Amino acid sequence: MGNAWALYAHPDVTPHPLKDPSFDPLYGFPNGRKPRVGAERRPQTEHNGTQCRVVLPVLEMIATEEQMQSAKLSLEDRGYCAHKLLEYQSCRADVWPWAAKCHHERHDYLNCEYEDYILRLKEYEREKRLLHRKKRIEEKKVVE
């Protein structure tokens, strides 16, 4: 409720949640930003019946639109972590009715969703701080 009230009461310094950021994403980063894709290069485990092996990924695979359509993912699931959800769903289909064996894939998917949520919150707060800064600078120019 706080963000909704802030958007109503102070629309000039509150970012709209449904609109894209108004500032350059590289603003304030003289050396550039770290890419999001490379952040998830962790060893993965594969389960083949009774055997388990660790696979070190060379590059992180991100789900394509065709993969998401063929898996019939709903629109709200077609986000940054769709590739993790596809891995989890395929694991569940492979080992059903022992879906508890897919706890690693489920954990990876839920961690990815959490990290994505935190990054989106940080981007929202960054936009809010930059809007406050812009307003402060404009008010300072008016006074001078």
Protein backbone atom coordinates (compact mmCIF):
# COMPACT_ATOMS: atom_id res chain seq x y z
CA MET A 1 0.00 0.00 0.00
CA GLY A 2 2.91 2.35 0.67
CA ASN A 3 4.13 2.40 -2.93
CA ALA A 4 0.59 2.94 -4.24
CA TRP A 5 0.12 5.88 -1.89
CA ALA A 6 3.52 7.30 -2.80
CA LEU A 7 2.64 7.07 -6.50
CA TYR A 8 -0.63 8.93 -5.83
CA ALA A 9 0.77 11.55 -3.46
CA HIS A 10 4.19 12.13 -5.09
CA PRO A 11 4.06 11.01 -8.74
CA ASP A 12 7.06 13.18 -9.65
CA VAL A 13 9.50 11.24 -7.45
CA THR A 14 7.91 7.77 -7.48
CA PRO A 15 8.58 5.45 -10.41
CA HIS A 16 5.54 3.93 -12.05
CA PRO A 17 5.63 0.16 -11.51
CA LEU A 18 4.32 -0.67 -15.00
CA LYS A 19 6.60 1.64 -16.99
CA ASP A 20 10.22 1.19 -18.00
CA PRO A 21 12.94 3.08 -16.11
CA SER A 22 13.42 6.63 -17.33
CA PHE A 23 17.17 6.75 -16.64
CA ASP A 24 20.00 5.14 -18.57
CA PRO A 25 20.83 1.74 -17.01
CA LEU A 26 24.55 2.53 -17.27
CA TYR A 27 24.21 5.93 -15.56
CA GLY A 28 26.55 5.97 -12.57
CA PHE A 29 28.54 2.93 -13.72
CA PRO A 30 31.73 4.25 -15.36
CA ASN A 31 33.10 0.73 -15.97
CA GLY A 32 29.77 -0.77 -17.03
CA ARG A 33 27.58 -3.26 -15.21
CA LYS A 34 28.08 -6.95 -14.65
CA PRO A 35 25.95 -9.11 -16.97
CA ARG A 36 23.19 -11.07 -15.26
CA VAL A 37 23.71 -14.23 -17.28
CA GLY A 38 27.17 -14.95 -15.87
CA ALA A 39 25.99 -14.77 -12.27
CA GLU A 40 24.53 -18.29 -12.25
CA ARG A 41 27.49 -20.42 -13.30
CA ARG A 42 27.20 -23.01 -10.56
CA PRO A 43 27.72 -26.76 -10.91
CA GLN A 44 24.52 -28.64 -11.72
CA THR A 45 23.70 -32.23 -10.78
CA GLU A 46 22.11 -34.73 -13.14
CA HIS A 47 20.12 -37.69 -11.87
CA ASN A 48 19.97 -40.84 -14.01
CA GLY A 49 18.07 -43.41 -12.01
CA THR A 50 20.51 -44.44 -9.29
CA GLN A 51 23.51 -42.47 -10.56
CA CYS A 52 24.27 -38.84 -9.89
CA ARG A 53 26.93 -36.72 -11.63
CA VAL A 54 28.05 -33.11 -11.44
CA VAL A 55 28.03 -31.08 -14.66
CA LEU A 56 30.01 -27.85 -14.94
CA PRO A 57 28.27 -25.52 -17.41
CA VAL A 58 30.29 -23.69 -20.04
CA LEU A 59 27.58 -21.11 -20.70
CA GLU A 60 24.25 -20.55 -19.01
CA MET A 61 21.38 -21.55 -21.29
CA ILE A 62 18.46 -19.12 -21.34
CA ALA A 63 15.12 -20.44 -22.56
CA THR A 64 14.02 -19.33 -26.02
CA GLU A 65 10.49 -18.35 -26.97
CA GLU A 66 10.04 -21.63 -28.87
CA GLN A 67 11.05 -23.66 -25.82
CA MET A 68 8.63 -21.77 -23.60
CA GLN A 69 5.80 -22.18 -26.11
CA SER A 70 6.45 -25.90 -26.54
CA ALA A 71 6.47 -26.33 -22.75
CA LYS A 72 3.20 -24.34 -22.58
CA LEU A 73 4.51 -22.00 -19.91
CA SER A 74 2.01 -19.40 -18.78
CA LEU A 75 2.84 -15.76 -19.52
CA GLU A 76 3.68 -14.97 -15.90
CA ASP A 77 6.25 -17.82 -15.86
CA ARG A 78 8.06 -16.60 -18.99
CA GLY A 79 10.56 -14.49 -17.15
CA TYR A 80 14.26 -14.44 -16.44
CA CYS A 81 14.12 -17.81 -14.66
CA ALA A 82 12.12 -19.70 -17.28
CA HIS A 83 15.10 -21.94 -18.09
CA LYS A 84 15.26 -23.07 -14.45
CA LEU A 85 11.52 -23.75 -14.44
CA LEU A 86 11.86 -25.84 -17.61
CA GLU A 87 14.64 -27.88 -15.97
CA TYR A 88 12.47 -28.42 -12.89
CA GLN A 89 9.41 -29.42 -14.91
CA SER A 90 11.39 -31.83 -17.08
CA CYS A 91 12.93 -33.41 -13.98
CA ARG A 92 9.49 -33.86 -12.44
CA ALA A 93 8.22 -35.48 -15.63
CA ASP A 94 11.25 -37.81 -15.75
CA VAL A 95 11.09 -39.10 -12.18
CA TRP A 96 7.33 -38.94 -11.52
CA PRO A 97 5.86 -40.05 -9.03
CA TRP A 98 9.05 -39.43 -7.02
CA ALA A 99 9.03 -35.68 -7.62
CA ALA A 100 10.90 -35.11 -4.37
CA LYS A 101 14.06 -36.22 -6.20
CA CYS A 102 13.95 -32.89 -8.04
CA HIS A 103 14.56 -30.82 -4.93
CA HIS A 104 17.84 -29.47 -6.35
CA GLU A 105 16.13 -28.17 -9.48
CA ARG A 106 13.28 -26.73 -7.44
CA HIS A 107 15.76 -25.03 -5.11
CA ASP A 108 17.67 -23.57 -8.08
CA TYR A 109 14.43 -22.28 -9.61
CA LEU A 110 13.20 -20.69 -6.38
CA ASN A 111 16.61 -19.11 -5.72
CA CYS A 112 16.62 -17.68 -9.23
CA GLU A 113 13.14 -16.22 -8.70
CA TYR A 114 14.23 -14.72 -5.37
CA GLU A 115 17.40 -13.19 -6.83
CA ASP A 116 15.42 -11.78 -9.77
CA TYR A 117 12.91 -10.25 -7.35
CA ILE A 118 15.69 -8.67 -5.30
CA LEU A 119 17.32 -7.23 -8.44
CA ARG A 120 13.99 -5.75 -9.58
CA LEU A 121 13.51 -4.18 -6.14
CA LYS A 122 17.00 -2.70 -6.29
CA GLU A 123 16.28 -1.27 -9.75
CA TYR A 124 13.05 0.27 -8.47
CA GLU A 125 14.85 1.85 -5.50
CA ARG A 126 17.62 3.11 -7.80
CA GLU A 127 15.04 4.75 -10.06
CA LYS A 128 13.38 6.31 -7.01
CA ARG A 129 16.70 7.71 -5.71
CA LEU A 130 17.54 9.12 -9.15
CA LEU A 131 14.12 10.80 -9.39
CA HIS A 132 14.64 12.37 -5.94
CA ARG A 133 18.11 13.53 -7.02
CA LYS A 134 16.72 15.02 -10.24
CA LYS A 135 14.02 16.89 -8.31
CA ARG A 136 16.57 18.17 -5.77
CA ILE A 137 18.83 19.48 -8.57
CA GLU A 138 15.88 21.18 -10.31
CA GLU A 139 14.77 22.84 -7.05
CA LYS A 140 18.33 24.03 -6.46
CA LYS A 141 18.43 25.59 -9.95
CA VAL A 142 15.12 27.39 -9.32
CA VAL A 143 16.43 28.88 -6.06
CA GLU A 144 19.61 30.18 -7.73
